[in-house]
Amino acid sequence: MAPNTLTELLKLPSGDRAELAMALWASLDDASRGTELALTPERITEGGVVLLAHVLRLLVTLIGVGLTAREIDEIWPIGSSAAFKARRTQEP
């Protein structure tokens, strides 16, 4: 799957993504369902980045930008939350 395709799929509402996943699963035969997906290091990294982005988005939604930025600073004190800090200064 091309990276752009994955990006477009992630833009779909979660309900639509779930329906698509279920439809794709139902379309597989038993032999295909047992086949392992070969993951390259690049795809594993991409999956980790996507997962982290979703977790951060959820944190911002639940606890706000400011507290999320402070938590990130605690975990990654090297200034990795610069984007959060910039956004926090722009909030009303």
PDB file of N, CA and C in Angstrom:
ATOM      1  N   MET A   1       0.847  -1.173   0.000  1.00  0.00           N
ATOM      2  CA  MET A   1       0.000   0.000   0.000  1.00  0.00           C
ATOM      3  C   MET A   1       0.889   1.232   0.000  1.00  0.00           C
ATOM      4  N   ALA A   2       0.573   2.164  -0.840  1.00  0.00           N
ATOM      5  CA  ALA A   2       1.342   3.399  -0.927  1.00  0.00           C
ATOM      6  C   ALA A   2       1.113   4.239   0.330  1.00  0.00           C
ATOM      7  N   PRO A   3       2.131   4.964   0.796  1.00  0.00           N
ATOM      8  CA  PRO A   3       1.951   5.801   1.985  1.00  0.00           C
ATOM      9  C   PRO A   3       0.801   6.800   1.842  1.00  0.00           C
ATOM     10  N   ASN A   4       0.609   7.330   0.630  1.00  0.00           N
ATOM     11  CA  ASN A   4      -0.486   8.282   0.429  1.00  0.00           C
ATOM     12  C   ASN A   4      -1.838   7.619   0.631  1.00  0.00           C
ATOM     13  N   THR A   5      -1.954   6.344   0.248  1.00  0.00           N
ATOM     14  CA  THR A   5      -3.205   5.616   0.439  1.00  0.00           C
ATOM     15  C   THR A   5      -3.503   5.472   1.920  1.00  0.00           C
ATOM     16  N   LEU A   6      -2.495   5.138   2.700  1.00  0.00           N
ATOM     17  CA  LEU A   6      -2.677   5.009   4.147  1.00  0.00           C
ATOM     18  C   LEU A   6      -3.091   6.346   4.758  1.00  0.00           C
ATOM     19  N   THR A   7      -2.469   7.419   4.314  1.00  0.00           N
ATOM     20  CA  THR A   7      -2.822   8.746   4.813  1.00  0.00           C
ATOM     21  C   THR A   7      -4.275   9.066   4.514  1.00  0.00           C
ATOM     22  N   GLU A   8      -4.725   8.760   3.315  1.00  0.00           N
ATOM     23  CA  GLU A   8      -6.117   9.019   2.935  1.00  0.00           C
ATOM     24  C   GLU A   8      -7.074   8.152   3.753  1.00  0.00           C
ATOM     25  N   LEU A   9      -6.710   6.892   3.979  1.00  0.00           N
ATOM     26  CA  LEU A   9      -7.562   6.020   4.781  1.00  0.00           C
ATOM     27  C   LEU A   9      -7.682   6.524   6.215  1.00  0.00           C
ATOM     28  N   LEU A  10      -6.603   7.056   6.754  1.00  0.00           N
ATOM     29  CA  LEU A  10      -6.625   7.556   8.129  1.00  0.00           C
ATOM     30  C   LEU A  10      -7.471   8.811   8.278  1.00  0.00           C
ATOM     31  N   LYS A  11      -7.759   9.478   7.173  1.00  0.00           N
ATOM     32  CA  LYS A  11      -8.619  10.664   7.212  1.00  0.00           C
ATOM     33  C   LYS A  11     -10.097  10.297   7.315  1.00  0.00           C
ATOM     34  N   LEU A  12     -10.421   9.032   7.031  1.00  0.00           N
ATOM     35  CA  LEU A  12     -11.818   8.598   7.122  1.00  0.00           C
ATOM     36  C   LEU A  12     -12.268   8.581   8.578  1.00  0.00           C
ATOM     37  N   PRO A  13     -13.560   8.799   8.821  1.00  0.00           N
ATOM     38  CA  PRO A  13     -14.071   8.660  10.194  1.00  0.00           C
ATOM     39  C   PRO A  13     -13.831   7.239  10.704  1.00  0.00           C
ATOM     40  N   SER A  14     -13.667   7.093  12.001  1.00  0.00           N
ATOM     41  CA  SER A  14     -13.318   5.794  12.573  1.00  0.00           C
ATOM     42  C   SER A  14     -14.358   4.723  12.237  1.00  0.00           C
ATOM     43  N   GLY A  15     -15.630   5.079  12.200  1.00  0.00           N
ATOM     44  CA  GLY A  15     -16.667   4.104  11.855  1.00  0.00           C
ATOM     45  C   GLY A  15     -16.500   3.576  10.445  1.00  0.00           C
ATOM     46  N   ASP A  16     -16.159   4.468   9.519  1.00  0.00           N
ATOM     47  CA  ASP A  16     -15.932   4.047   8.130  1.00  0.00           C
ATOM     48  C   ASP A  16     -14.702   3.149   8.021  1.00  0.00           C
ATOM     49  N   ARG A  17     -13.653   3.483   8.789  1.00  0.00           N
ATOM     50  CA  ARG A  17     -12.451   2.636   8.763  1.00  0.00           C
ATOM     51  C   ARG A  17     -12.759   1.253   9.317  1.00  0.00           C
ATOM     52  N   ALA A  18     -13.564   1.200  10.371  1.00  0.00           N
ATOM     53  CA  ALA A  18     -13.930  -0.094  10.958  1.00  0.00           C
ATOM     54  C   ALA A  18     -14.750  -0.919   9.972  1.00  0.00           C
ATOM     55  N   GLU A  19     -15.715  -0.290   9.306  1.00  0.00           N
ATOM     56  CA  GLU A  19     -16.521  -1.003   8.306  1.00  0.00           C
ATOM     57  C   GLU A  19     -15.649  -1.523   7.173  1.00  0.00           C
ATOM     58  N   LEU A  20     -14.712  -0.711   6.721  1.00  0.00           N
ATOM     59  CA  LEU A  20     -13.808  -1.120   5.651  1.00  0.00           C
ATOM     60  C   LEU A  20     -12.957  -2.305   6.091  1.00  0.00           C
ATOM     61  N   ALA A  21     -12.436  -2.259   7.320  1.00  0.00           N
ATOM     62  CA  ALA A  21     -11.620  -3.363   7.836  1.00  0.00           C
ATOM     63  C   ALA A  21     -12.430  -4.648   7.922  1.00  0.00           C
ATOM     64  N   MET A  22     -13.663  -4.551   8.399  1.00  0.00           N
ATOM     65  CA  MET A  22     -14.509  -5.742   8.504  1.00  0.00           C
ATOM     66  C   MET A  22     -14.843  -6.303   7.121  1.00  0.00           C
ATOM     67  N   ALA A  23     -15.102  -5.427   6.171  1.00  0.00           N
ATOM     68  CA  ALA A  23     -15.403  -5.879   4.807  1.00  0.00           C
ATOM     69  C   ALA A  23     -14.182  -6.566   4.181  1.00  0.00           C
ATOM     70  N   LEU A  24     -13.013  -5.989   4.407  1.00  0.00           N
ATOM     71  CA  LEU A  24     -11.793  -6.604   3.867  1.00  0.00           C
ATOM     72  C   LEU A  24     -11.548  -7.963   4.516  1.00  0.00           C
ATOM     73  N   TRP A  25     -11.746  -8.065   5.828  1.00  0.00           N
ATOM     74  CA  TRP A  25     -11.566  -9.342   6.532  1.00  0.00           C
ATOM     75  C   TRP A  25     -12.539 -10.385   6.004  1.00  0.00           C
ATOM     76  N   ALA A  26     -13.791  -9.991   5.804  1.00  0.00           N
ATOM     77  CA  ALA A  26     -14.811 -10.920   5.315  1.00  0.00           C
ATOM     78  C   ALA A  26     -14.511 -11.382   3.891  1.00  0.00           C
ATOM     79  N   SER A  27     -13.797 -10.570   3.119  1.00  0.00           N
ATOM     80  CA  SER A  27     -13.501 -10.931   1.731  1.00  0.00           C
ATOM     81  C   SER A  27     -12.370 -11.954   1.616  1.00  0.00           C
ATOM     82  N   LEU A  28     -11.629 -12.207   2.697  1.00  0.00           N
ATOM     83  CA  LEU A  28     -10.522 -13.159   2.655  1.00  0.00           C
ATOM     84  C   LEU A  28     -11.021 -14.587   2.836  1.00  0.00           C
ATOM     85  N   ASP A  29     -10.339 -15.521   2.173  1.00  0.00           N
ATOM     86  CA  ASP A  29     -10.656 -16.923   2.430  1.00  0.00           C
ATOM     87  C   ASP A  29      -9.832 -17.389   3.635  1.00  0.00           C
ATOM     88  N   ASP A  30     -10.105 -18.592   4.116  1.00  0.00           N
ATOM     89  CA  ASP A  30      -9.435 -19.085   5.328  1.00  0.00           C
ATOM     90  C   ASP A  30      -7.919 -19.140   5.178  1.00  0.00           C
ATOM     91  N   ALA A  31      -7.436 -19.524   3.995  1.00  0.00           N
ATOM     92  CA  ALA A  31      -5.987 -19.605   3.771  1.00  0.00           C
ATOM     93  C   ALA A  31      -5.350 -18.224   3.852  1.00  0.00           C
ATOM     94  N   SER A  32      -6.010 -17.222   3.294  1.00  0.00           N
ATOM     95  CA  SER A  32      -5.471 -15.857   3.320  1.00  0.00           C
ATOM     96  C   SER A  32      -5.467 -15.286   4.726  1.00  0.00           C
ATOM     97  N   ARG A  33      -6.461 -15.653   5.517  1.00  0.00           N
ATOM     98  CA  ARG A  33      -6.529 -15.132   6.881  1.00  0.00           C
ATOM     99  C   ARG A  33      -5.372 -15.646   7.736  1.00  0.00           C
ATOM    100  N   GLY A  34      -4.846 -16.811   7.424  1.00  0.00           N
ATOM    101  CA  GLY A  34      -3.753 -17.385   8.191  1.00  0.00           C
ATOM    102  C   GLY A  34      -2.386 -16.934   7.721  1.00  0.00           C
ATOM    103  N   THR A  35      -2.318 -16.205   6.627  1.00  0.00           N
ATOM    104  CA  THR A  35      -1.044 -15.762   6.069  1.00  0.00           C
ATOM    105  C   THR A  35      -0.494 -14.591   6.868  1.00  0.00           C
ATOM    106  N   GLU A  36       0.795 -14.650   7.151  1.00  0.00           N
ATOM    107  CA  GLU A  36       1.422 -13.545   7.875  1.00  0.00           C
ATOM    108  C   GLU A  36       1.731 -12.410   6.923  1.00  0.00           C
ATOM    109  N   LEU A  37       1.613 -11.215   7.425  1.00  0.00           N
ATOM    110  CA  LEU A  37       1.939 -10.019   6.663  1.00  0.00           C
ATOM    111  C   LEU A  37       3.423  -9.735   6.870  1.00  0.00           C
ATOM    112  N   ALA A  38       4.144  -9.635   5.773  1.00  0.00           N
ATOM    113  CA  ALA A  38       5.572  -9.336   5.873  1.00  0.00           C
ATOM    114  C   ALA A  38       5.738  -7.841   6.130  1.00  0.00           C
ATOM    115  N   LEU A  39       6.281  -7.513   7.281  1.00  0.00           N
ATOM    116  CA  LEU A  39       6.487  -6.117   7.632  1.00  0.00           C
ATOM    117  C   LEU A  39       7.955  -5.751   7.496  1.00  0.00           C
ATOM    118  N   THR A  40       8.196  -4.686   6.784  1.00  0.00           N
ATOM    119  CA  THR A  40       9.552  -4.170   6.661  1.00  0.00           C
ATOM    120  C   THR A  40       9.811  -3.231   7.834  1.00  0.00           C
ATOM    121  N   PRO A  41      11.060  -2.975   8.140  1.00  0.00           N
ATOM    122  CA  PRO A  41      11.355  -2.022   9.220  1.00  0.00           C
ATOM    123  C   PRO A  41      10.712  -0.647   8.978  1.00  0.00           C
ATOM    124  N   GLU A  42      10.638  -0.241   7.718  1.00  0.00           N
ATOM    125  CA  GLU A  42      10.030   1.051   7.400  1.00  0.00           C
ATOM    126  C   GLU A  42       8.541   1.059   7.743  1.00  0.00           C
ATOM    127  N   ARG A  43       7.848  -0.037   7.429  1.00  0.00           N
ATOM    128  CA  ARG A  43       6.411  -0.107   7.729  1.00  0.00           C
ATOM    129  C   ARG A  43       6.160  -0.175   9.229  1.00  0.00           C
ATOM    130  N   ILE A  44       7.037  -0.850   9.943  1.00  0.00           N
ATOM    131  CA  ILE A  44       6.906  -0.909  11.405  1.00  0.00           C
ATOM    132  C   ILE A  44       7.091   0.486  11.989  1.00  0.00           C
ATOM    133  N   THR A  45       8.097   1.210  11.500  1.00  0.00           N
ATOM    134  CA  THR A  45       8.334   2.579  11.958  1.00  0.00           C
ATOM    135  C   THR A  45       7.142   3.465  11.637  1.00  0.00           C
ATOM    136  N   GLU A  46       6.624   3.348  10.430  1.00  0.00           N
ATOM    137  CA  GLU A  46       5.464   4.151  10.036  1.00  0.00           C
ATOM    138  C   GLU A  46       4.267   3.861  10.938  1.00  0.00           C
ATOM    139  N   GLY A  47       4.058   2.601  11.258  1.00  0.00           N
ATOM    140  CA  GLY A  47       2.958   2.232  12.141  1.00  0.00           C
ATOM    141  C   GLY A  47       3.139   2.824  13.532  1.00  0.00           C
ATOM    142  N   GLY A  48       4.376   2.824  14.019  1.00  0.00           N
ATOM    143  CA  GLY A  48       4.656   3.415  15.319  1.00  0.00           C
ATOM    144  C   GLY A  48       4.401   4.915  15.338  1.00  0.00           C
ATOM    145  N   VAL A  49       4.765   5.577  14.257  1.00  0.00           N
ATOM    146  CA  VAL A  49       4.541   7.023  14.157  1.00  0.00           C
ATOM    147  C   VAL A  49       3.045   7.322  14.131  1.00  0.00           C
ATOM    148  N   VAL A  50       2.299   6.545  13.358  1.00  0.00           N
ATOM    149  CA  VAL A  50       0.856   6.745  13.276  1.00  0.00           C
ATOM    150  C   VAL A  50       0.202   6.495  14.637  1.00  0.00           C
ATOM    151  N   LEU A  51       0.614   5.436  15.313  1.00  0.00           N
ATOM    152  CA  LEU A  51       0.064   5.131  16.634  1.00  0.00           C
ATOM    153  C   LEU A  51       0.365   6.265  17.618  1.00  0.00           C
ATOM    154  N   LEU A  52       1.602   6.746  17.625  1.00  0.00           N
ATOM    155  CA  LEU A  52       1.977   7.836  18.521  1.00  0.00           C
ATOM    156  C   LEU A  52       1.166   9.095  18.219  1.00  0.00           C
ATOM    157  N   ALA A  53       0.954   9.396  16.944  1.00  0.00           N
ATOM    158  CA  ALA A  53       0.152  10.566  16.573  1.00  0.00           C
ATOM    159  C   ALA A  53      -1.273  10.447  17.100  1.00  0.00           C
ATOM    160  N   HIS A  54      -1.842   9.263  17.014  1.00  0.00           N
ATOM    161  CA  HIS A  54      -3.205   9.060  17.521  1.00  0.00           C
ATOM    162  C   HIS A  54      -3.254   9.199  19.045  1.00  0.00           C
ATOM    163  N   VAL A  55      -2.248   8.664  19.726  1.00  0.00           N
ATOM    164  CA  VAL A  55      -2.216   8.767  21.185  1.00  0.00           C
ATOM    165  C   VAL A  55      -2.068  10.233  21.614  1.00  0.00           C
ATOM    166  N   LEU A  56      -1.204  10.974  20.934  1.00  0.00           N
ATOM    167  CA  LEU A  56      -1.023  12.383  21.270  1.00  0.00           C
ATOM    168  C   LEU A  56      -2.292  13.188  20.999  1.00  0.00           C
ATOM    169  N   ARG A  57      -2.951  12.892  19.887  1.00  0.00           N
ATOM    170  CA  ARG A  57      -4.209  13.579  19.582  1.00  0.00           C
ATOM    171  C   ARG A  57      -5.246  13.294  20.667  1.00  0.00           C
ATOM    172  N   LEU A  58      -5.308  12.054  21.120  1.00  0.00           N
ATOM    173  CA  LEU A  58      -6.240  11.690  22.181  1.00  0.00           C
ATOM    174  C   LEU A  58      -5.898  12.412  23.485  1.00  0.00           C
ATOM    175  N   LEU A  59      -4.616  12.477  23.817  1.00  0.00           N
ATOM    176  CA  LEU A  59      -4.198  13.192  25.019  1.00  0.00           C
ATOM    177  C   LEU A  59      -4.586  14.665  24.961  1.00  0.00           C
ATOM    178  N   VAL A  60      -4.352  15.299  23.823  1.00  0.00           N
ATOM    179  CA  VAL A  60      -4.724  16.710  23.668  1.00  0.00           C
ATOM    180  C   VAL A  60      -6.225  16.873  23.848  1.00  0.00           C
ATOM    181  N   THR A  61      -6.993  15.949  23.299  1.00  0.00           N
ATOM    182  CA  THR A  61      -8.446  16.016  23.426  1.00  0.00           C
ATOM    183  C   THR A  61      -8.885  15.856  24.877  1.00  0.00           C
ATOM    184  N   LEU A  62      -8.257  14.944  25.592  1.00  0.00           N
ATOM    185  CA  LEU A  62      -8.679  14.648  26.956  1.00  0.00           C
ATOM    186  C   LEU A  62      -8.146  15.622  28.003  1.00  0.00           C
ATOM    187  N   ILE A  63      -6.866  15.993  27.889  1.00  0.00           N
ATOM    188  CA  ILE A  63      -6.274  16.801  28.954  1.00  0.00           C
ATOM    189  C   ILE A  63      -5.809  18.175  28.492  1.00  0.00           C
ATOM    190  N   GLY A  64      -5.894  18.465  27.211  1.00  0.00           N
ATOM    191  CA  GLY A  64      -5.517  19.779  26.705  1.00  0.00           C
ATOM    192  C   GLY A  64      -4.073  19.846  26.241  1.00  0.00           C
ATOM    193  N   VAL A  65      -3.810  20.901  25.480  1.00  0.00           N
ATOM    194  CA  VAL A  65      -2.484  21.081  24.886  1.00  0.00           C
ATOM    195  C   VAL A  65      -1.424  21.329  25.959  1.00  0.00           C
ATOM    196  N   GLY A  66      -1.741  22.200  26.917  1.00  0.00           N
ATOM    197  CA  GLY A  66      -0.743  22.564  27.927  1.00  0.00           C
ATOM    198  C   GLY A  66      -0.248  21.389  28.746  1.00  0.00           C
ATOM    199  N   LEU A  67      -1.181  20.607  29.277  1.00  0.00           N
ATOM    200  CA  LEU A  67      -0.794  19.462  30.100  1.00  0.00           C
ATOM    201  C   LEU A  67      -0.111  18.383  29.256  1.00  0.00           C
ATOM    202  N   THR A  68      -0.582  18.199  28.028  1.00  0.00           N
ATOM    203  CA  THR A  68       0.079  17.233  27.135  1.00  0.00           C
ATOM    204  C   THR A  68       1.524  17.650  26.889  1.00  0.00           C
ATOM    205  N   ALA A  69       1.744  18.946  26.649  1.00  0.00           N
ATOM    206  CA  ALA A  69       3.105  19.442  26.416  1.00  0.00           C
ATOM    207  C   ALA A  69       3.990  19.201  27.632  1.00  0.00           C
ATOM    208  N   ARG A  70       3.451  19.443  28.825  1.00  0.00           N
ATOM    209  CA  ARG A  70       4.240  19.207  30.044  1.00  0.00           C
ATOM    210  C   ARG A  70       4.592  17.732  30.205  1.00  0.00           C
ATOM    211  N   GLU A  71       3.630  16.858  29.912  1.00  0.00           N
ATOM    212  CA  GLU A  71       3.899  15.417  30.010  1.00  0.00           C
ATOM    213  C   GLU A  71       4.958  14.983  29.002  1.00  0.00           C
ATOM    214  N   ILE A  72       4.881  15.525  27.793  1.00  0.00           N
ATOM    215  CA  ILE A  72       5.883  15.183  26.776  1.00  0.00           C
ATOM    216  C   ILE A  72       7.256  15.673  27.211  1.00  0.00           C
ATOM    217  N   ASP A  73       7.309  16.878  27.779  1.00  0.00           N
ATOM    218  CA  ASP A  73       8.593  17.393  28.267  1.00  0.00           C
ATOM    219  C   ASP A  73       9.190  16.503  29.350  1.00  0.00           C
ATOM    220  N   GLU A  74       8.328  15.889  30.156  1.00  0.00           N
ATOM    221  CA  GLU A  74       8.801  14.984  31.191  1.00  0.00           C
ATOM    222  C   GLU A  74       9.402  13.723  30.585  1.00  0.00           C
ATOM    223  N   ILE A  75       8.774  13.232  29.515  1.00  0.00           N
ATOM    224  CA  ILE A  75       9.225  11.998  28.878  1.00  0.00           C
ATOM    225  C   ILE A  75      10.416  12.261  27.959  1.00  0.00           C
ATOM    226  N   TRP A  76      10.311  13.307  27.133  1.00  0.00           N
ATOM    227  CA  TRP A  76      11.358  13.688  26.184  1.00  0.00           C
ATOM    228  C   TRP A  76      11.807  15.110  26.496  1.00  0.00           C
ATOM    229  N   PRO A  77      12.688  15.277  27.471  1.00  0.00           N
ATOM    230  CA  PRO A  77      13.057  16.623  27.906  1.00  0.00           C
ATOM    231  C   PRO A  77      13.951  17.392  26.934  1.00  0.00           C
ATOM    232  N   ILE A  78      14.210  16.861  25.763  1.00  0.00           N
ATOM    233  CA  ILE A  78      15.117  17.513  24.826  1.00  0.00           C
ATOM    234  C   ILE A  78      14.384  18.564  23.987  1.00  0.00           C
ATOM    235  N   GLY A  79      13.186  18.931  24.367  1.00  0.00           N
ATOM    236  CA  GLY A  79      12.470  19.967  23.637  1.00  0.00           C
ATOM    237  C   GLY A  79      11.652  19.438  22.480  1.00  0.00           C
ATOM    238  N   SER A  80      11.269  18.154  22.546  1.00  0.00           N
ATOM    239  CA  SER A  80      10.518  17.567  21.444  1.00  0.00           C
ATOM    240  C   SER A  80       9.097  18.093  21.356  1.00  0.00           C
ATOM    241  N   SER A  81       8.636  18.810  22.364  1.00  0.00           N
ATOM    242  CA  SER A  81       7.275  19.320  22.330  1.00  0.00           C
ATOM    243  C   SER A  81       7.224  20.763  21.845  1.00  0.00           C
ATOM    244  N   ALA A  82       8.191  21.172  21.061  1.00  0.00           N
ATOM    245  CA  ALA A  82       8.239  22.546  20.559  1.00  0.00           C
ATOM    246  C   ALA A  82       6.979  22.903  19.789  1.00  0.00           C
ATOM    247  N   ALA A  83       6.435  21.947  19.040  1.00  0.00           N
ATOM    248  CA  ALA A  83       5.207  22.211  18.282  1.00  0.00           C
ATOM    249  C   ALA A  83       4.046  22.490  19.234  1.00  0.00           C
ATOM    250  N   PHE A  84       3.976  21.749  20.337  1.00  0.00           N
ATOM    251  CA  PHE A  84       2.925  21.989  21.328  1.00  0.00           C
ATOM    252  C   PHE A  84       3.110  23.359  21.969  1.00  0.00           C
ATOM    253  N   LYS A  85       4.369  23.694  22.283  1.00  0.00           N
ATOM    254  CA  LYS A  85       4.634  24.978  22.922  1.00  0.00           C
ATOM    255  C   LYS A  85       4.240  26.121  21.989  1.00  0.00           C
ATOM    256  N   ALA A  86       4.570  25.990  20.712  1.00  0.00           N
ATOM    257  CA  ALA A  86       4.212  27.025  19.748  1.00  0.00           C
ATOM    258  C   ALA A  86       2.703  27.161  19.644  1.00  0.00           C
ATOM    259  N   ARG A  87       2.016  26.044  19.608  1.00  0.00           N
ATOM    260  CA  ARG A  87       0.557  26.083  19.502  1.00  0.00           C
ATOM    261  C   ARG A  87      -0.072  26.645  20.776  1.00  0.00           C
ATOM    262  N   ARG A  88       0.495  26.300  21.920  1.00  0.00           N
ATOM    263  CA  ARG A  88      -0.035  26.756  23.202  1.00  0.00           C
ATOM    264  C   ARG A  88       0.036  28.279  23.285  1.00  0.00           C
ATOM    265  N   THR A  89       1.094  28.887  22.748  1.00  0.00           N
ATOM    266  CA  THR A  89       1.227  30.336  22.801  1.00  0.00           C
ATOM    267  C   THR A  89       0.249  31.021  21.851  1.00  0.00           C
ATOM    268  N   GLN A  90      -0.280  30.280  20.872  1.00  0.00           N
ATOM    269  CA  GLN A  90      -1.237  30.849  19.920  1.00  0.00           C
ATOM    270  C   GLN A  90      -2.675  30.707  20.388  1.00  0.00           C
ATOM    271  N   GLU A  91      -2.916  29.888  21.414  1.00  0.00           N
ATOM    272  CA  GLU A  91      -4.291  29.685  21.888  1.00  0.00           C
ATOM    273  C   GLU A  91      -4.795  30.928  22.580  1.00  0.00           C
ATOM    274  N   PRO A  92      -6.116  31.187  22.474  1.00  0.00           N
ATOM    275  CA  PRO A  92      -6.680  32.372  23.134  1.00  0.00           C
ATOM    276  C   PRO A  92      -6.671  32.245  24.643  1.00  0.00           C
TER     277      PRO A  92
END
